[in-house]
Amino acid sequence: MADICHDAGDLKGFADVKKRQTVEVFRERLTEVIANSGLSRAAFAARAGLDRSTLSQLLSTNNDRLPRAETIAAIAAREQVSVDWLLGISQEGQLGAGLLAQALEIESGAGSPADARLARWRAEAAGYKIRYVPTTLPDVLKTEDVMRYEYFEHNPRMPEVRIEQAENELAYTRLPETDIEVCSSLQSLQDFARGYGIWSGLPVAGRIAQLDSIAALLDELYPTFRWFLFDGLQRYSVPLTIFGRNRAAIYLGDMYFVFNSTDHINALIQNFDGLIRGAVVQPPDVIALVRELRKEAAATEANEGRKIA
């Protein structure tokens, strides 16, 4: 266990970057909405049901927090833009009043080690395509050592629970009727293989073992499990899962934004499909990339061994 301990600050830093990106997108798009409204900030605040001081805070470059979900939903409904667009999940803003009138569910406690909602939602989507943007690597592909490394600082009980959940998810993924698409940035995989960012404390041997496991599982699970990689310099997505046509959940750290309406889900599907269209590495080529990154990591391990000797 000792050789997979790490600085909790790295994990927190990763989460902070993701949160800051979402806050920055929200601020930029809120500024655009205000400009398009033709109103002064004071008048816009009054129409949105906000205090002027609250609106000023939301527009401040020093602000590092999203408003309450109810506030985001109220702005979207009043200005006839989508919540997805305000949060940077979709590039389509004007989706019509009919869509905006539908409710958004807020599910708290997303970081709980006993959280079984994802498994339940996945089971409810049996027979439908599941689309998934992971926070880091897809859990179903992670080794036990990587999950212990990644989740231990959240809660000492978390790694074992996550390992069990990943085993159940893998069993689900192996069912012949499954259809799962995963999309994440090329850079996130490269950063893992090279030990950058939050992975700097994970020994190279652990990264090599993980890359070997990824290559083997991708080879086994393809084509019912397909992993696309987009260029993170060109595209961005918050972590989310679309469970067929029934539900979509956006992960925001300690809570989920859960969409149940057909129109909301369709909007998220369109955004996800845009990520796939922009993928720079297609599923059949991901295994080759993983093996190249594995060779690179092995060379690094060999160099470190010679330095120690």
Protein backbone atom coordinates (compact mmCIF):
# COMPACT_ATOMS: atom_id res chain seq x y z
CA MET A 1 0.00 0.00 0.00
CA ALA A 2 2.86 2.34 0.84
CA ASP A 3 4.20 2.39 -2.70
CA ILE A 4 0.92 3.72 -4.08
CA CYS A 5 0.36 6.53 -1.59
CA HIS A 6 0.36 10.02 -3.01
CA ASP A 7 -0.19 13.66 -2.24
CA ALA A 8 -3.89 14.39 -1.86
CA GLY A 9 -3.17 17.86 -3.14
CA ASP A 10 -2.66 16.46 -6.66
CA LEU A 11 -6.18 15.02 -6.77
CA LYS A 12 -7.63 18.19 -5.34
CA GLY A 13 -5.70 20.21 -7.90
CA PHE A 14 -7.16 18.16 -10.74
CA ALA A 15 -10.70 18.68 -9.46
CA ASP A 16 -10.03 22.40 -8.99
CA VAL A 17 -8.88 22.76 -12.61
CA LYS A 18 -12.03 21.06 -13.92
CA LYS A 19 -14.22 23.22 -11.69
CA ARG A 20 -12.41 26.40 -12.71
CA GLN A 21 -12.88 25.60 -16.40
CA THR A 22 -16.62 25.14 -15.89
CA VAL A 23 -16.87 28.39 -13.90
CA GLU A 24 -14.98 30.29 -16.61
CA VAL A 25 -17.25 28.96 -19.37
CA PHE A 26 -20.34 29.81 -17.33
CA ARG A 27 -19.08 33.38 -16.74
CA GLU A 28 -18.31 33.90 -20.44
CA ARG A 29 -21.70 32.61 -21.55
CA LEU A 30 -23.59 34.54 -18.89
CA THR A 31 -21.83 37.69 -20.12
CA GLU A 32 -22.95 36.82 -23.66
CA VAL A 33 -26.55 36.27 -22.52
CA ILE A 34 -26.59 39.67 -20.79
CA ALA A 35 -25.20 41.38 -23.90
CA ASN A 36 -27.79 39.69 -26.12
CA SER A 37 -30.61 40.72 -23.80
CA GLY A 38 -29.96 44.42 -24.44
CA LEU A 39 -30.48 45.11 -20.73
CA SER A 40 -28.26 46.78 -18.20
CA ARG A 41 -26.81 44.50 -15.56
CA ALA A 42 -29.20 45.92 -12.99
CA ALA A 43 -32.21 45.28 -15.24
CA PHE A 44 -30.98 41.80 -16.16
CA ALA A 45 -30.51 40.92 -12.48
CA ALA A 46 -34.03 42.08 -11.70
CA ARG A 47 -35.51 40.06 -14.57
CA ALA A 48 -33.56 36.95 -13.51
CA GLY A 49 -34.62 37.37 -9.89
CA LEU A 50 -31.06 38.01 -8.71
CA ASP A 51 -29.54 40.64 -6.45
CA ARG A 52 -27.24 43.01 -8.28
CA SER A 53 -24.43 42.01 -5.93
CA THR A 54 -24.99 38.33 -6.74
CA LEU A 55 -24.80 39.00 -10.47
CA SER A 56 -21.65 41.08 -10.03
CA GLN A 57 -20.07 38.25 -8.09
CA LEU A 58 -20.96 35.71 -10.80
CA LEU A 59 -19.34 37.93 -13.45
CA SER A 60 -16.21 38.63 -11.44
CA THR A 61 -12.99 37.02 -12.70
CA ASN A 62 -12.13 36.40 -9.05
CA ASN A 63 -15.19 34.20 -8.60
CA ASP A 64 -14.38 30.48 -8.43
CA ARG A 65 -17.81 29.07 -7.63
CA LEU A 66 -20.86 28.17 -9.66
CA PRO A 67 -24.20 29.54 -8.46
CA ARG A 68 -26.81 27.20 -7.03
CA ALA A 69 -28.41 24.84 -9.52
CA GLU A 70 -31.73 26.62 -9.03
CA THR A 71 -30.10 29.91 -10.07
CA ILE A 72 -28.60 28.39 -13.24
CA ALA A 73 -31.94 26.81 -14.15
CA ALA A 74 -33.76 30.12 -13.54
CA ILE A 75 -31.39 32.08 -15.79
CA ALA A 76 -31.70 29.44 -18.51
CA ALA A 77 -35.49 29.43 -18.37
CA ARG A 78 -35.82 33.21 -18.30
CA GLU A 79 -33.36 33.83 -21.14
CA GLN A 80 -34.40 30.79 -23.21
CA VAL A 81 -30.98 29.16 -23.34
CA SER A 82 -30.09 25.66 -22.22
CA VAL A 83 -28.46 24.74 -18.94
CA ASP A 84 -26.13 22.51 -20.99
CA TRP A 85 -24.92 25.51 -22.98
CA LEU A 86 -24.44 27.72 -19.91
CA LEU A 87 -22.22 25.04 -18.35
CA GLY A 88 -20.22 24.48 -21.53
CA ILE A 89 -21.59 21.00 -22.18
CA SER A 90 -23.32 21.95 -25.43
CA GLN A 91 -22.47 24.42 -28.16
CA GLU A 92 -26.17 24.94 -28.89
CA GLY A 93 -27.70 27.67 -26.77
CA GLN A 94 -31.17 28.44 -28.10
CA LEU A 95 -33.20 25.27 -27.66
CA GLY A 96 -36.67 26.66 -27.19
CA ALA A 97 -38.98 27.41 -24.30
CA GLY A 98 -40.52 23.93 -24.29
CA LEU A 99 -37.21 22.34 -23.37
CA LEU A 100 -36.31 24.93 -20.78
CA ALA A 101 -39.56 24.54 -18.88
CA GLN A 102 -38.70 20.96 -17.95
CA ALA A 103 -37.26 20.24 -14.52
CA LEU A 104 -33.65 19.50 -13.67
CA GLU A 105 -32.99 17.07 -10.83
CA ILE A 106 -30.12 17.65 -8.41
CA GLU A 107 -28.67 14.53 -6.78
CA SER A 108 -26.31 15.25 -3.88
CA GLY A 109 -23.71 12.99 -2.31
CA ALA A 110 -22.07 12.02 -5.60
CA GLY A 111 -18.78 11.23 -3.83
CA SER A 112 -20.24 8.78 -1.34
CA PRO A 113 -18.51 5.37 -1.32
CA ALA A 114 -21.93 3.74 -0.94
CA ASP A 115 -23.35 5.52 -4.00
CA ALA A 116 -25.21 2.87 -6.00
CA ARG A 117 -27.08 5.22 -8.31
CA LEU A 118 -24.79 4.79 -11.30
CA ALA A 119 -25.19 1.01 -11.15
CA ARG A 120 -28.97 1.36 -10.93
CA TRP A 121 -29.13 3.82 -13.80
CA ARG A 122 -26.87 1.57 -15.86
CA ALA A 123 -29.15 -1.42 -15.21
CA GLU A 124 -32.18 0.63 -16.24
CA ALA A 125 -30.44 1.39 -19.56
CA ALA A 126 -29.91 -2.31 -20.41
CA GLY A 127 -30.23 -2.82 -24.17
CA TYR A 128 -29.51 0.85 -24.96
CA LYS A 129 -26.28 2.62 -25.81
CA ILE A 130 -24.42 4.16 -22.87
CA ARG A 131 -22.23 7.19 -23.61
CA TYR A 132 -19.60 8.16 -21.07
CA VAL A 133 -17.04 10.93 -20.48
CA PRO A 134 -14.90 9.82 -17.49
CA THR A 135 -13.28 12.08 -14.92
CA THR A 136 -9.91 10.37 -15.42
CA LEU A 137 -9.59 6.86 -16.90
CA PRO A 138 -12.74 4.77 -17.35
CA ASP A 139 -13.30 2.92 -14.06
CA VAL A 140 -14.04 -0.34 -15.87
CA LEU A 141 -10.45 -0.34 -17.20
CA LYS A 142 -8.66 0.56 -13.96
CA THR A 143 -6.46 -1.84 -12.02
CA GLU A 144 -6.97 -2.25 -8.29
CA ASP A 145 -3.71 -0.41 -7.54
CA VAL A 146 -4.77 2.58 -9.61
CA MET A 147 -8.16 2.73 -7.88
CA ARG A 148 -6.52 2.54 -4.47
CA TYR A 149 -4.16 5.33 -5.49
CA GLU A 150 -6.89 7.52 -6.92
CA TYR A 151 -9.63 7.12 -4.32
CA PHE A 152 -7.88 6.55 -0.98
CA GLU A 153 -7.68 10.22 -0.03
CA HIS A 154 -11.42 10.67 -0.66
CA ASN A 155 -12.34 8.14 1.99
CA PRO A 156 -10.36 5.12 3.33
CA ARG A 157 -13.34 2.90 2.48
CA MET A 158 -13.68 4.27 -1.03
CA PRO A 159 -11.08 2.16 -2.88
CA GLU A 160 -12.57 -1.21 -1.93
CA VAL A 161 -16.08 -0.02 -2.78
CA ARG A 162 -14.91 1.37 -6.12
CA ILE A 163 -13.07 -1.87 -6.90
CA GLU A 164 -16.25 -3.85 -6.28
CA GLN A 165 -18.29 -1.42 -8.37
CA ALA A 166 -15.75 -1.62 -11.21
CA GLU A 167 -15.92 -5.43 -11.12
CA ASN A 168 -19.70 -5.25 -11.41
CA GLU A 169 -19.40 -2.71 -14.22
CA LEU A 170 -16.94 -4.95 -16.06
CA ALA A 171 -19.32 -7.90 -15.74
CA TYR A 172 -22.08 -5.69 -17.18
CA THR A 173 -19.78 -4.54 -19.99
CA ARG A 174 -19.03 -8.14 -20.94
CA LEU A 175 -22.71 -8.89 -21.58
CA PRO A 176 -23.26 -9.43 -25.32
CA GLU A 177 -26.10 -6.91 -25.52
CA THR A 178 -24.07 -3.97 -24.18
CA ASP A 179 -23.15 -0.99 -26.34
CA ILE A 180 -20.83 1.50 -24.65
CA GLU A 181 -19.01 4.52 -26.08
CA VAL A 182 -16.39 6.35 -24.05
CA CYS A 183 -14.87 9.67 -25.05
CA SER A 184 -12.06 11.51 -23.30
CA SER A 185 -9.03 13.61 -24.16
CA LEU A 186 -5.89 12.17 -25.67
CA GLN A 187 -3.89 14.25 -23.23
CA SER A 188 -5.53 12.62 -20.19
CA LEU A 189 -4.25 9.21 -21.31
CA GLN A 190 -0.81 10.60 -22.15
CA ASP A 191 -0.59 12.35 -18.77
CA PHE A 192 -1.37 9.08 -17.01
CA ALA A 193 1.24 7.10 -18.95
CA ARG A 194 3.91 9.75 -18.32
CA GLY A 195 3.06 10.30 -14.66
CA TYR A 196 1.99 13.93 -15.01
CA GLY A 197 -0.38 15.88 -12.77
CA ILE A 198 -2.32 13.78 -10.30
CA TRP A 199 -0.45 10.66 -11.43
CA SER A 200 3.00 11.95 -10.42
CA GLY A 201 2.93 9.88 -7.22
CA LEU A 202 2.00 6.60 -8.91
CA PRO A 203 5.11 4.45 -9.49
CA VAL A 204 5.97 3.78 -13.11
CA ALA A 205 5.50 0.05 -12.52
CA GLY A 206 1.90 0.71 -11.55
CA ARG A 207 1.36 2.79 -14.68
CA ILE A 208 2.86 0.06 -16.87
CA ALA A 209 0.61 -2.58 -15.29
CA GLN A 210 -2.39 -0.33 -15.90
CA LEU A 211 -1.47 0.21 -19.55
CA ASP A 212 -1.09 -3.56 -20.02
CA SER A 213 -4.53 -4.08 -18.46
CA ILE A 214 -6.10 -1.38 -20.66
CA ALA A 215 -4.69 -2.94 -23.83
CA ALA A 216 -5.92 -6.41 -22.86
CA LEU A 217 -9.41 -5.23 -21.90
CA LEU A 218 -9.85 -3.06 -24.97
CA ASP A 219 -8.87 -6.00 -27.14
CA GLU A 220 -11.36 -8.23 -25.31
CA LEU A 221 -14.29 -5.81 -25.18
CA TYR A 222 -14.15 -4.26 -28.66
CA PRO A 223 -16.45 -3.58 -30.50
CA THR A 224 -19.17 -3.42 -27.82
CA PHE A 225 -16.90 -1.11 -25.76
CA ARG A 226 -15.38 1.68 -27.86
CA TRP A 227 -13.01 4.35 -26.54
CA PHE A 228 -12.56 7.55 -28.59
CA LEU A 229 -9.88 10.17 -27.83
CA PHE A 230 -10.32 13.83 -28.74
CA ASP A 231 -7.73 16.62 -28.67
CA GLY A 232 -8.12 18.44 -25.35
CA LEU A 233 -6.71 21.60 -26.94
CA GLN A 234 -9.67 21.72 -29.31
CA ARG A 235 -12.53 20.30 -27.24
CA TYR A 236 -13.68 20.02 -23.66
CA SER A 237 -16.37 18.14 -21.77
CA VAL A 238 -17.31 17.82 -18.14
CA PRO A 239 -17.64 14.24 -16.84
CA LEU A 240 -21.03 12.82 -17.78
CA THR A 241 -22.88 9.59 -18.52
CA ILE A 242 -25.85 9.24 -20.87
CA PHE A 243 -27.89 6.17 -19.99
CA GLY A 244 -29.63 5.35 -23.26
CA ARG A 245 -32.70 7.51 -23.75
CA ASN A 246 -33.75 7.37 -20.11
CA ARG A 247 -31.38 9.60 -18.19
CA ALA A 248 -28.18 11.63 -18.32
CA ALA A 249 -26.04 12.57 -15.33
CA ILE A 250 -23.41 15.30 -15.25
CA TYR A 251 -20.83 14.92 -12.48
CA LEU A 252 -19.96 18.11 -10.60
CA GLY A 253 -17.84 16.84 -7.74
CA ASP A 254 -20.28 16.43 -4.85
CA MET A 255 -23.46 16.31 -6.90
CA TYR A 256 -25.04 15.10 -10.12
CA PHE A 257 -27.15 17.21 -12.46
CA VAL A 258 -29.64 14.59 -13.67
CA PHE A 259 -31.68 15.10 -16.84
CA ASN A 260 -34.71 12.91 -17.53
CA SER A 261 -36.42 14.74 -20.39
CA THR A 262 -36.05 13.46 -23.95
CA ASP A 263 -35.05 16.88 -25.29
CA HIS A 264 -32.33 17.39 -22.69
CA ILE A 265 -30.95 13.91 -23.28
CA ASN A 266 -31.02 14.40 -27.05
CA ALA A 267 -29.09 17.66 -26.65
CA LEU A 268 -26.41 15.88 -24.61
CA ILE A 269 -26.27 13.03 -27.12
CA GLN A 270 -25.70 15.54 -29.93
CA ASN A 271 -22.88 17.12 -27.93
CA PHE A 272 -21.32 13.70 -27.22
CA ASP A 273 -21.57 12.74 -30.88
CA GLY A 274 -19.73 15.96 -31.68
CA LEU A 275 -16.87 14.81 -29.44
CA ILE A 276 -16.76 11.53 -31.33
CA ARG A 277 -16.76 13.26 -34.72
CA GLY A 278 -13.79 15.30 -33.52
CA ALA A 279 -11.87 12.30 -32.15
CA VAL A 280 -8.22 12.18 -33.24
CA VAL A 281 -7.79 8.54 -32.19
CA GLN A 282 -10.46 6.02 -33.15
CA PRO A 283 -11.23 2.91 -31.03
CA PRO A 284 -9.30 0.40 -33.21
CA ASP A 285 -6.19 2.59 -32.87
CA VAL A 286 -6.34 3.17 -29.10
CA ILE A 287 -4.72 -0.20 -28.32
CA ALA A 288 -1.71 0.63 -30.50
CA LEU A 289 -1.40 4.02 -28.80
CA VAL A 290 -1.57 2.40 -25.35
CA ARG A 291 1.19 -0.04 -26.30
CA GLU A 292 3.39 2.80 -27.55
CA LEU A 293 2.84 4.68 -24.30
CA ARG A 294 3.67 1.47 -22.43
CA LYS A 295 7.02 1.24 -24.26
CA GLU A 296 7.72 4.85 -23.38
CA ALA A 297 6.93 4.21 -19.71
CA ALA A 298 9.09 1.07 -19.69
CA ALA A 299 12.01 3.06 -21.10
CA THR A 300 11.53 5.62 -18.35
CA GLU A 301 11.54 2.84 -15.75
CA ALA A 302 14.75 1.43 -17.20
CA ASN A 303 16.42 4.84 -17.14
CA GLU A 304 15.38 5.38 -13.53
CA GLY A 305 16.80 1.96 -12.66
CA ARG A 306 20.15 2.83 -14.22
CA LYS A 307 20.27 6.14 -12.32
CA ILE A 308 19.65 4.32 -9.03
CA ALA A 309 22.32 1.74 -9.86
